[in-house]
């Protein structure tokens, strides 16, 4: 396929990458317009021809977005100069998710990242390849340390630690109830705990508790950003959470955050990164409580689903079930309390839907298993706190029934999911319903109920 018109091409690098991926410039423009950070900022279909013919470099964050899009399409990390032939004039509106994190894995390094936790009012660009996965392995291979400070702001008392623990628990509750809508509040709490670590005085045990609180807040803020479809900011939070978890000596927290990073990579179709991060998460969790290991195993199964690896997916499912049935040898962490059998089944169920797209020969069987595992969470009672998970997995259940060709059940599951939208803030779940809308549209005329659902889906709020 010829990606550009004949004639002089001032940017042979960009033209060659488009040739390699098999895209015309119009395709690149459409991909840029669909990028979550390009809302309401339209690139004309013919604009990429000017980038190629004249050697123009787009302004602002768009040049970085193009690098990210092409790297993802090619399945490898691309440098800015590999696309534009020059070093970036990085503006204040665009930074990488690991900006400022290339620091030693010790107390000095930890305190150095605790100024501005994640850049505000700037575009945060996502990482890929080894730029992303190296942090997981560095957390596992670098020796631990005891955070200790003799700052001038006074001691961290047991009463203050209790307040911090309460704030962490409340932040996690807000994540369940309000999703990404409360992430500004959680970011403020991260900043408050970071100030204690930087400026207060405390001993090693208290320093570890503060670092663990910081890691939990970063984990919560990261998932809130991910749920709001702000992937770059989510990565930034997760990377800070891994550092704080490493400083606290809490391997369960490190494992949990690495598993969330793996899930994010799988959702972004970065299968190799997802598998790599899942392996790091499993290694971090090896001596953790059964509930943490079962949660990590379930999340890891999504990485294998994204790569079409049924054998390892089944292995993770067997491990999840084995660990879920083990009597607890110690109390699990509070942040993992939601990981009951219903939630673990639902995570596995959505992985089966992804696998069904990769494995057409086993498609029917995989979809049948998926609908069984998704059913309980998708039909969570309205008063239960797990409404966001119910919405997300209800959308997956509807998609699974639709893929099976069962329009009636797909419609019923879709209606149940839509009824939860007014009570849940979750841009990523609503985006799943958009996907359902697009897949339902060609077949909706077969049933009146499906037409009604399609009309409801077309009235969903923009994300």
Protein backbone atom coordinates (compact mmCIF):
# COMPACT_ATOMS: atom_id res chain seq x y z
CA UNK A 1 0.00 0.00 0.00
CA UNK A 2 1.29 3.46 -0.88
CA UNK A 3 0.82 5.72 2.10
CA UNK A 4 1.64 9.03 0.46
CA UNK A 5 1.26 10.62 -2.96
CA UNK A 6 4.23 10.53 -5.31
CA UNK A 7 6.66 13.44 -5.30
CA UNK A 8 9.13 14.98 -2.87
CA UNK A 9 8.81 13.85 0.76
CA UNK A 10 10.62 16.13 3.20
CA UNK A 11 9.85 13.82 6.14
CA UNK A 12 10.90 10.42 4.86
CA UNK A 13 10.87 9.05 8.41
CA UNK A 14 7.15 9.65 8.93
CA UNK A 15 6.35 8.46 5.42
CA UNK A 16 8.34 5.28 5.95
CA UNK A 17 6.59 4.52 9.25
CA UNK A 18 3.20 4.96 7.60
CA UNK A 19 4.32 2.62 4.81
CA UNK A 20 5.47 0.11 7.42
CA UNK A 21 2.17 0.11 9.31
CA UNK A 22 0.15 0.20 6.08
CA UNK A 23 -1.71 3.45 6.71
CA UNK A 24 -2.54 6.37 4.49
CA UNK A 25 -2.09 9.82 6.08
CA UNK A 26 -5.86 10.11 6.42
CA UNK A 27 -5.79 7.08 8.72
CA UNK A 28 -3.20 8.76 10.93
CA UNK A 29 -5.39 11.88 11.14
CA UNK A 30 -8.42 9.79 12.17
CA UNK A 31 -6.39 7.92 14.81
CA UNK A 32 -5.15 11.23 16.21
CA UNK A 33 -8.71 12.57 16.36
CA UNK A 34 -9.84 9.45 18.23
CA UNK A 35 -7.08 9.81 20.82
CA UNK A 36 -8.50 10.62 24.29
CA UNK A 37 -6.25 13.67 24.65
CA UNK A 38 -7.40 15.19 21.35
CA UNK A 39 -11.04 15.81 22.25
CA UNK A 40 -12.53 18.77 20.37
CA UNK A 41 -9.24 19.42 18.55
CA UNK A 42 -9.70 18.07 15.03
CA UNK A 43 -6.87 17.20 12.65
CA UNK A 44 -7.97 17.53 9.03
CA UNK A 45 -7.61 14.36 6.95
CA UNK A 46 -5.09 16.05 4.63
CA UNK A 47 -2.92 17.67 7.33
CA UNK A 48 -0.50 14.69 7.66
CA UNK A 49 0.32 15.10 3.94
CA UNK A 50 1.77 18.52 4.86
CA UNK A 51 3.85 16.97 7.64
CA UNK A 52 5.35 14.62 5.07
CA UNK A 53 5.67 16.92 2.04
CA UNK A 54 6.94 20.00 3.89
CA UNK A 55 8.60 18.44 6.91
CA UNK A 56 6.20 20.30 9.23
CA UNK A 57 6.02 19.27 12.89
CA UNK A 58 2.61 19.77 14.55
CA UNK A 59 2.39 22.08 17.54
CA UNK A 60 1.75 21.25 21.18
CA UNK A 61 1.07 17.72 22.30
CA UNK A 62 -0.01 16.49 18.85
CA UNK A 63 3.54 15.64 17.77
CA UNK A 64 3.94 13.46 20.88
CA UNK A 65 0.54 11.86 20.32
CA UNK A 66 1.56 10.89 16.76
CA UNK A 67 4.71 9.22 18.13
CA UNK A 68 2.60 7.30 20.64
CA UNK A 69 0.01 6.22 18.04
CA UNK A 70 2.63 4.95 15.58
CA UNK A 71 4.62 3.17 18.29
CA UNK A 72 1.49 1.39 19.47
CA UNK A 73 0.52 0.42 15.91
CA UNK A 74 4.00 -0.97 15.22
CA UNK A 75 4.26 -2.74 18.56
CA UNK A 76 7.52 -1.09 19.55
CA UNK A 77 8.74 2.00 21.36
CA UNK A 78 9.47 4.92 19.04
CA UNK A 79 11.59 7.91 19.91
CA UNK A 80 10.49 11.42 18.94
CA UNK A 81 13.42 11.81 16.54
CA UNK A 82 12.50 8.55 14.79
CA UNK A 83 9.27 10.19 13.64
CA UNK A 84 10.10 13.88 13.26
CA UNK A 85 13.85 13.80 12.61
CA UNK A 86 14.63 16.35 15.33
CA UNK A 87 14.65 16.67 19.10
CA UNK A 88 11.36 17.80 20.63
CA UNK A 89 10.77 21.31 21.81
CA UNK A 90 8.90 19.93 24.76
CA UNK A 91 6.26 22.36 25.88
CA UNK A 92 4.82 22.60 29.38
CA UNK A 93 1.69 20.86 28.14
CA UNK A 94 3.34 17.50 27.39
CA UNK A 95 5.43 15.31 29.70
CA UNK A 96 6.06 11.57 29.84
CA UNK A 97 4.40 9.48 32.55
CA UNK A 98 7.81 8.82 34.12
CA UNK A 99 8.92 12.46 34.00
CA UNK A 100 11.26 13.07 36.93
CA UNK A 101 11.34 9.42 38.04
CA UNK A 102 14.81 8.42 36.78
CA UNK A 103 16.17 8.50 40.31
CA UNK A 104 17.86 6.07 42.74
CA UNK A 105 15.62 3.54 44.49
CA UNK A 106 16.48 4.82 47.96
CA UNK A 107 15.29 7.42 50.45
CA UNK A 108 16.78 10.31 48.48
CA UNK A 109 15.08 9.12 45.31
CA UNK A 110 11.72 8.70 47.03
CA UNK A 111 11.75 12.16 48.60
CA UNK A 112 12.82 13.72 45.30
CA UNK A 113 9.61 12.65 43.56
CA UNK A 114 7.30 14.00 46.24
CA UNK A 115 7.07 17.62 45.12
CA UNK A 116 4.36 17.78 42.47
CA UNK A 117 2.97 14.22 42.44
CA UNK A 118 1.61 14.26 38.89
CA UNK A 119 1.85 17.26 36.56
CA UNK A 120 -1.24 19.46 36.64
CA UNK A 121 -2.82 21.06 33.57
CA UNK A 122 -0.39 19.22 31.30
CA UNK A 123 -0.76 16.31 28.93
CA UNK A 124 0.90 13.20 30.36
CA UNK A 125 2.09 10.89 27.60
CA UNK A 126 1.95 7.14 28.10
CA UNK A 127 4.95 4.83 28.12
CA UNK A 128 5.42 1.63 26.15
CA UNK A 129 7.94 -1.19 25.84
CA UNK A 130 10.86 -1.34 28.24
CA UNK A 131 10.30 2.32 29.18
CA UNK A 132 7.23 1.04 31.02
CA UNK A 133 8.18 -2.46 32.18
CA UNK A 134 11.63 -1.64 33.59
CA UNK A 135 10.14 0.02 36.66
CA UNK A 136 8.43 -3.16 37.78
CA UNK A 137 11.61 -5.20 37.71
CA UNK A 138 13.63 -2.39 39.30
CA UNK A 139 11.25 -2.42 42.26
CA UNK A 140 11.92 -6.14 42.73
CA UNK A 141 15.69 -6.10 42.25
CA UNK A 142 16.67 -2.98 44.22
CA UNK A 143 17.26 -3.49 47.97
CA UNK A 144 14.76 -2.04 50.39
CA UNK A 145 15.50 0.78 52.80
CA UNK A 146 14.04 2.39 55.92
CA UNK A 147 12.51 5.85 55.35
CA UNK A 148 13.69 8.02 58.25
CA UNK A 149 13.53 11.79 58.63
CA UNK A 150 14.46 14.47 61.13
CA UNK A 151 12.52 17.24 59.43
CA UNK A 152 11.73 20.53 61.10
CA UNK A 153 7.93 20.29 61.09
CA UNK A 154 7.64 18.19 64.23
CA UNK A 155 7.05 14.49 64.86
CA UNK A 156 4.43 12.26 63.24
CA UNK A 157 2.40 11.09 66.25
CA UNK A 158 0.31 7.92 66.51
CA UNK A 159 -2.81 10.12 66.40
CA UNK A 160 -1.66 11.65 63.11
CA UNK A 161 -0.99 8.19 61.66
CA UNK A 162 -4.59 7.23 62.56
CA UNK A 163 -5.83 10.28 60.65
CA UNK A 164 -3.72 9.27 57.65
CA UNK A 165 -5.09 5.71 57.74
CA UNK A 166 -8.64 7.07 57.88
CA UNK A 167 -8.01 9.33 54.88
CA UNK A 168 -6.61 6.40 52.88
CA UNK A 169 -9.69 4.28 53.65
CA UNK A 170 -12.01 7.16 52.74
CA UNK A 171 -10.18 7.68 49.44
CA UNK A 172 -10.68 4.03 48.56
CA UNK A 173 -14.37 4.37 49.41
CA UNK A 174 -14.62 7.40 47.11
CA UNK A 175 -13.11 5.33 44.31
CA UNK A 176 -15.98 2.84 44.64
CA UNK A 177 -18.63 5.56 44.85
CA UNK A 178 -17.44 8.35 42.56
CA UNK A 179 -14.66 6.93 40.39
CA UNK A 180 -12.61 9.50 38.54
CA UNK A 181 -14.82 12.35 39.76
CA UNK A 182 -13.00 12.36 43.12
CA UNK A 183 -9.44 12.08 41.85
CA UNK A 184 -8.62 15.72 42.60
CA UNK A 185 -9.41 15.13 46.27
CA UNK A 186 -7.23 11.99 46.35
CA UNK A 187 -4.37 13.87 44.69
CA UNK A 188 -4.60 16.49 47.45
CA UNK A 189 -4.38 13.76 50.13
CA UNK A 190 -1.32 12.30 48.39
CA UNK A 191 0.26 15.74 48.57
CA UNK A 192 -0.52 16.02 52.29
CA UNK A 193 1.12 12.67 53.11
CA UNK A 194 4.05 13.52 50.83
CA UNK A 195 4.64 16.71 52.84
CA UNK A 196 4.83 14.64 56.02
CA UNK A 197 7.44 12.37 54.46
CA UNK A 198 9.46 15.34 53.23
CA UNK A 199 9.28 17.69 56.21
CA UNK A 200 8.20 15.88 59.42
CA UNK A 201 10.34 13.82 61.77
CA UNK A 202 9.66 10.09 62.20
CA UNK A 203 11.37 6.78 62.86
CA UNK A 204 11.76 3.88 60.43
CA UNK A 205 8.50 2.12 61.39
CA UNK A 206 6.47 5.32 61.03
CA UNK A 207 8.23 6.12 57.76
CA UNK A 208 7.19 2.74 56.40
CA UNK A 209 3.57 3.35 57.38
CA UNK A 210 3.61 6.77 55.71
CA UNK A 211 5.14 5.29 52.56
CA UNK A 212 2.49 2.53 52.53
CA UNK A 213 -0.25 5.16 52.85
CA UNK A 214 1.33 7.09 50.00
CA UNK A 215 1.41 3.95 47.83
CA UNK A 216 -2.26 3.21 48.54
CA UNK A 217 -3.27 6.77 47.65
CA UNK A 218 -1.24 6.54 44.43
CA UNK A 219 -2.88 3.19 43.61
CA UNK A 220 -6.33 4.73 44.16
CA UNK A 221 -5.54 7.87 42.19
CA UNK A 222 -4.05 5.76 39.40
CA UNK A 223 -7.13 3.61 39.05
CA UNK A 224 -9.34 6.72 39.15
CA UNK A 225 -7.33 8.24 36.29
CA UNK A 226 -7.45 4.96 34.36
CA UNK A 227 -11.20 4.77 34.89
CA UNK A 228 -11.45 8.35 33.57
CA UNK A 229 -9.51 7.25 30.44
CA UNK A 230 -6.51 9.41 31.31
CA UNK A 231 -3.93 6.70 30.70
CA UNK A 232 -0.79 8.82 30.93
CA UNK A 233 -1.74 10.26 34.30
CA UNK A 234 -2.71 6.79 35.51
CA UNK A 235 0.73 5.47 34.60
CA UNK A 236 2.35 8.38 36.44
CA UNK A 237 0.41 7.58 39.60
CA UNK A 238 1.13 3.86 39.35
CA UNK A 239 4.86 4.45 38.94
CA UNK A 240 4.92 6.65 42.03
CA UNK A 241 2.88 4.03 43.87
CA UNK A 242 5.43 1.33 43.00
CA UNK A 243 8.23 3.49 44.39
CA UNK A 244 6.33 4.25 47.59
CA UNK A 245 5.34 0.59 47.98
CA UNK A 246 8.97 -0.43 47.57
CA UNK A 247 9.97 2.08 50.27
CA UNK A 248 7.31 0.73 52.64
CA UNK A 249 8.49 -2.85 52.22
CA UNK A 250 4.88 -3.81 51.35
CA UNK A 251 5.24 -6.43 48.62
CA UNK A 252 1.46 -6.87 48.40
CA UNK A 253 1.01 -3.22 47.43
CA UNK A 254 3.80 -3.44 44.86
CA UNK A 255 2.24 -6.60 43.40
CA UNK A 256 -1.21 -5.02 43.25
CA UNK A 257 0.00 -1.88 41.46
CA UNK A 258 2.08 -3.87 38.97
CA UNK A 259 -0.97 -6.01 38.23
CA UNK A 260 -3.03 -2.84 37.61
CA UNK A 261 -0.30 -1.59 35.27
CA UNK A 262 -0.50 -4.91 33.47
CA UNK A 263 -4.27 -4.56 33.11
CA UNK A 264 -3.85 -1.06 31.70
CA UNK A 265 -1.33 -2.32 29.14
CA UNK A 266 -3.70 -5.16 28.17
CA UNK A 267 -6.54 -2.67 27.74
CA UNK A 268 -4.27 -0.62 25.44
CA UNK A 269 -3.48 -3.75 23.34
CA UNK A 270 0.13 -3.76 24.57
CA UNK A 271 0.18 -7.52 25.07
CA UNK A 272 3.93 -8.01 25.55
CA UNK A 273 4.11 -5.24 28.17
CA UNK A 274 1.03 -6.66 29.89
CA UNK A 275 2.58 -10.14 30.16
CA UNK A 276 5.89 -8.72 31.37
CA UNK A 277 4.23 -6.65 34.10
CA UNK A 278 2.01 -9.60 35.09
CA UNK A 279 5.12 -11.72 35.59
CA UNK A 280 6.64 -9.03 37.82
CA UNK A 281 3.40 -8.77 39.79
CA UNK A 282 3.29 -12.52 40.38
CA UNK A 283 6.90 -12.51 41.56
CA UNK A 284 6.20 -9.65 43.96
CA UNK A 285 3.15 -11.49 45.33
CA UNK A 286 4.82 -14.86 45.88
CA UNK A 287 4.90 -14.58 49.69
CA UNK A 288 1.70 -12.54 50.11
CA UNK A 289 -1.64 -13.59 51.59
CA UNK A 290 -3.93 -15.83 49.49
CA UNK A 291 -6.38 -13.01 48.77
CA UNK A 292 -3.62 -10.83 47.27
CA UNK A 293 -2.18 -13.70 45.25
CA UNK A 294 -5.62 -14.68 43.93
CA UNK A 295 -6.32 -11.09 42.89
CA UNK A 296 -2.94 -10.80 41.16
CA UNK A 297 -3.50 -14.13 39.40
CA UNK A 298 -6.93 -13.02 38.16
CA UNK A 299 -5.57 -9.71 36.92
CA UNK A 300 -2.63 -11.51 35.29
CA UNK A 301 -5.04 -13.68 33.31
CA UNK A 302 -6.10 -10.54 31.39
CA UNK A 303 -2.54 -10.14 30.10
CA UNK A 304 -2.60 -13.66 28.68
CA UNK A 305 -6.05 -13.02 27.22
CA UNK A 306 -4.71 -9.94 25.41
CA UNK A 307 -1.91 -12.06 23.93
CA UNK A 308 -4.24 -14.91 22.93
CA UNK A 309 -2.44 -17.36 25.25
CA UNK A 310 -5.15 -19.79 26.37
CA UNK A 311 -2.78 -22.16 28.16
CA UNK A 312 -1.41 -19.53 30.53
CA UNK A 313 -4.85 -17.98 30.89
CA UNK A 314 -6.14 -21.36 32.15
CA UNK A 315 -3.13 -21.67 34.44
CA UNK A 316 -3.93 -18.32 36.05
CA UNK A 317 -7.60 -19.28 36.40
CA UNK A 318 -6.69 -22.53 38.16
CA UNK A 319 -4.33 -20.64 40.48
CA UNK A 320 -7.02 -18.04 41.21
CA UNK A 321 -9.50 -20.72 42.24
CA UNK A 322 -6.94 -22.62 44.29
CA UNK A 323 -5.94 -19.50 46.23
CA UNK A 324 -9.54 -18.33 46.67
CA UNK A 325 -10.36 -21.62 48.38
CA UNK A 326 -7.33 -21.61 50.68
CA UNK A 327 -8.05 -20.80 54.33
CA UNK A 328 -6.38 -17.45 55.07
CA UNK A 329 -3.08 -17.80 56.93
CA UNK A 330 -3.16 -14.09 57.84
CA UNK A 331 -5.53 -11.15 57.41
CA UNK A 332 -5.57 -9.71 53.93
CA UNK A 333 -5.04 -5.98 53.36
CA UNK A 334 -8.11 -3.79 53.58
CA UNK A 335 -7.69 -2.50 50.02
CA UNK A 336 -8.13 -6.08 48.72
CA UNK A 337 -11.41 -6.72 50.58
CA UNK A 338 -13.46 -6.38 47.38
CA UNK A 339 -11.71 -9.37 45.80
CA UNK A 340 -14.38 -11.99 46.57
CA UNK A 341 -15.24 -14.95 44.36
CA UNK A 342 -17.84 -12.93 42.42
CA UNK A 343 -15.29 -10.25 41.49
CA UNK A 344 -12.58 -12.78 40.62
CA UNK A 345 -15.01 -14.65 38.37
CA UNK A 346 -16.01 -11.41 36.65
CA UNK A 347 -12.38 -10.49 35.94
CA UNK A 348 -11.83 -13.91 34.40
CA UNK A 349 -15.09 -13.61 32.46
CA UNK A 350 -14.08 -10.45 30.67
CA UNK A 351 -10.75 -12.07 29.82
CA UNK A 352 -12.64 -14.91 28.16
CA UNK A 353 -14.50 -12.42 25.95
CA UNK A 354 -11.14 -10.99 24.83
CA UNK A 355 -9.76 -14.49 24.21
CA UNK A 356 -12.79 -15.37 22.08
CA UNK A 357 -11.73 -12.68 19.60
CA UNK A 358 -8.25 -14.22 19.37
CA UNK A 359 -9.31 -17.86 19.12
CA UNK A 360 -12.17 -18.32 16.62
CA UNK A 361 -12.07 -22.13 16.84
CA UNK A 362 -12.86 -22.05 20.58
CA UNK A 363 -15.02 -18.93 20.33
CA UNK A 364 -18.36 -20.56 21.24
CA UNK A 365 -17.02 -22.37 24.28
CA UNK A 366 -15.11 -19.33 25.56
CA UNK A 367 -18.14 -17.05 25.23
CA UNK A 368 -20.35 -19.59 26.99
CA UNK A 369 -17.90 -19.72 29.91
CA UNK A 370 -17.66 -15.93 29.93
CA UNK A 371 -21.39 -15.37 30.26
CA UNK A 372 -21.54 -17.80 33.18
CA UNK A 373 -18.72 -16.07 35.06
CA UNK A 374 -19.93 -12.53 34.34
CA UNK A 375 -23.56 -13.11 35.31
CA UNK A 376 -23.35 -12.71 39.09
CA UNK A 377 -21.42 -9.41 39.09
CA UNK A 378 -23.47 -8.00 36.21
CA UNK A 379 -26.62 -8.63 38.25
CA UNK A 380 -25.34 -7.13 41.50
CA UNK A 381 -28.27 -5.68 43.52
CA UNK A 382 -28.75 -1.90 43.13
CA UNK A 383 -27.85 -1.17 46.77
CA UNK A 384 -24.52 -3.01 46.71
CA UNK A 385 -21.38 -0.85 46.77
CA UNK A 386 -19.90 -2.60 43.71
CA UNK A 387 -21.99 -0.61 41.22
CA UNK A 388 -19.08 0.44 39.02
CA UNK A 389 -17.86 -3.12 38.68
CA UNK A 390 -21.44 -4.22 38.00
CA UNK A 391 -21.75 -1.62 35.24
CA UNK A 392 -18.44 -2.58 33.65
CA UNK A 393 -19.03 -6.31 33.77
CA UNK A 394 -22.67 -5.90 32.76
CA UNK A 395 -21.43 -4.23 29.58
CA UNK A 396 -19.01 -7.11 29.05
CA UNK A 397 -21.85 -9.60 29.59
CA UNK A 398 -23.99 -7.85 27.00
CA UNK A 399 -21.08 -7.85 24.53
CA UNK A 400 -20.51 -11.57 25.18
CA UNK A 401 -24.19 -12.45 24.56
CA UNK A 402 -24.16 -10.32 21.41
CA UNK A 403 -21.04 -12.13 20.17
CA UNK A 404 -22.87 -15.42 20.80
CA UNK A 405 -25.75 -14.17 18.65
CA UNK A 406 -28.19 -14.11 21.59
CA UNK A 407 -29.84 -10.75 21.00
CA UNK A 408 -32.47 -11.12 23.72
CA UNK A 409 -29.94 -11.77 26.51
CA UNK A 410 -27.60 -9.13 25.15
CA UNK A 411 -30.44 -6.62 25.27
CA UNK A 412 -31.47 -7.59 28.81
CA UNK A 413 -27.88 -7.31 30.12
CA UNK A 414 -27.39 -4.03 28.31
CA UNK A 415 -30.56 -2.54 29.83
CA UNK A 416 -29.44 -3.56 33.33
CA UNK A 417 -26.03 -1.96 32.76
CA UNK A 418 -27.57 1.26 31.44
CA UNK A 419 -29.73 1.63 34.55
CA UNK A 420 -26.54 1.95 36.61
CA UNK A 421 -25.08 4.83 34.58
CA UNK A 422 -26.75 7.66 36.58
CA UNK A 423 -25.28 6.35 39.85
CA UNK A 424 -21.73 5.63 38.63
CA UNK A 425 -18.93 7.90 37.39
CA UNK A 426 -16.89 5.76 35.01
CA UNK A 427 -15.85 7.03 31.59
CA UNK A 428 -14.20 3.72 30.75
CA UNK A 429 -17.37 1.75 31.49
CA UNK A 430 -19.47 4.15 29.42
CA UNK A 431 -16.96 3.69 26.58
CA UNK A 432 -17.71 -0.05 26.76
CA UNK A 433 -21.38 0.81 26.30
CA UNK A 434 -20.40 2.86 23.25
CA UNK A 435 -18.76 -0.28 21.89
CA UNK A 436 -21.98 -2.18 22.60
CA UNK A 437 -23.94 0.53 20.76
CA UNK A 438 -21.74 0.22 17.67
CA UNK A 439 -22.00 -3.57 17.62
CA UNK A 440 -25.72 -3.55 18.29
CA UNK A 441 -26.59 -1.05 15.56
CA UNK A 442 -26.35 -3.48 12.57
CA UNK A 443 -28.65 -6.08 14.20
CA UNK A 444 -31.02 -3.96 16.31
CA UNK A 445 -33.83 -4.11 13.71
CA UNK A 446 -34.35 -7.80 14.55
CA UNK A 447 -36.09 -7.03 17.85
CA UNK A 448 -38.08 -4.09 19.23
CA UNK A 449 -36.35 -4.38 22.63
CA UNK A 450 -32.95 -4.09 20.94
CA UNK A 451 -34.10 -0.93 19.15
CA UNK A 452 -35.16 0.56 22.50
CA UNK A 453 -31.76 -0.30 24.00
CA UNK A 454 -29.99 1.23 21.01
CA UNK A 455 -31.92 4.45 21.52
CA UNK A 456 -30.87 4.49 25.19
CA UNK A 457 -27.25 3.86 24.26
CA UNK A 458 -27.32 6.72 21.77
CA UNK A 459 -28.33 9.09 24.56
CA UNK A 460 -25.43 8.21 26.87
CA UNK A 461 -23.30 11.09 28.16
CA UNK A 462 -20.15 11.93 26.23
CA UNK A 463 -16.85 10.65 27.65
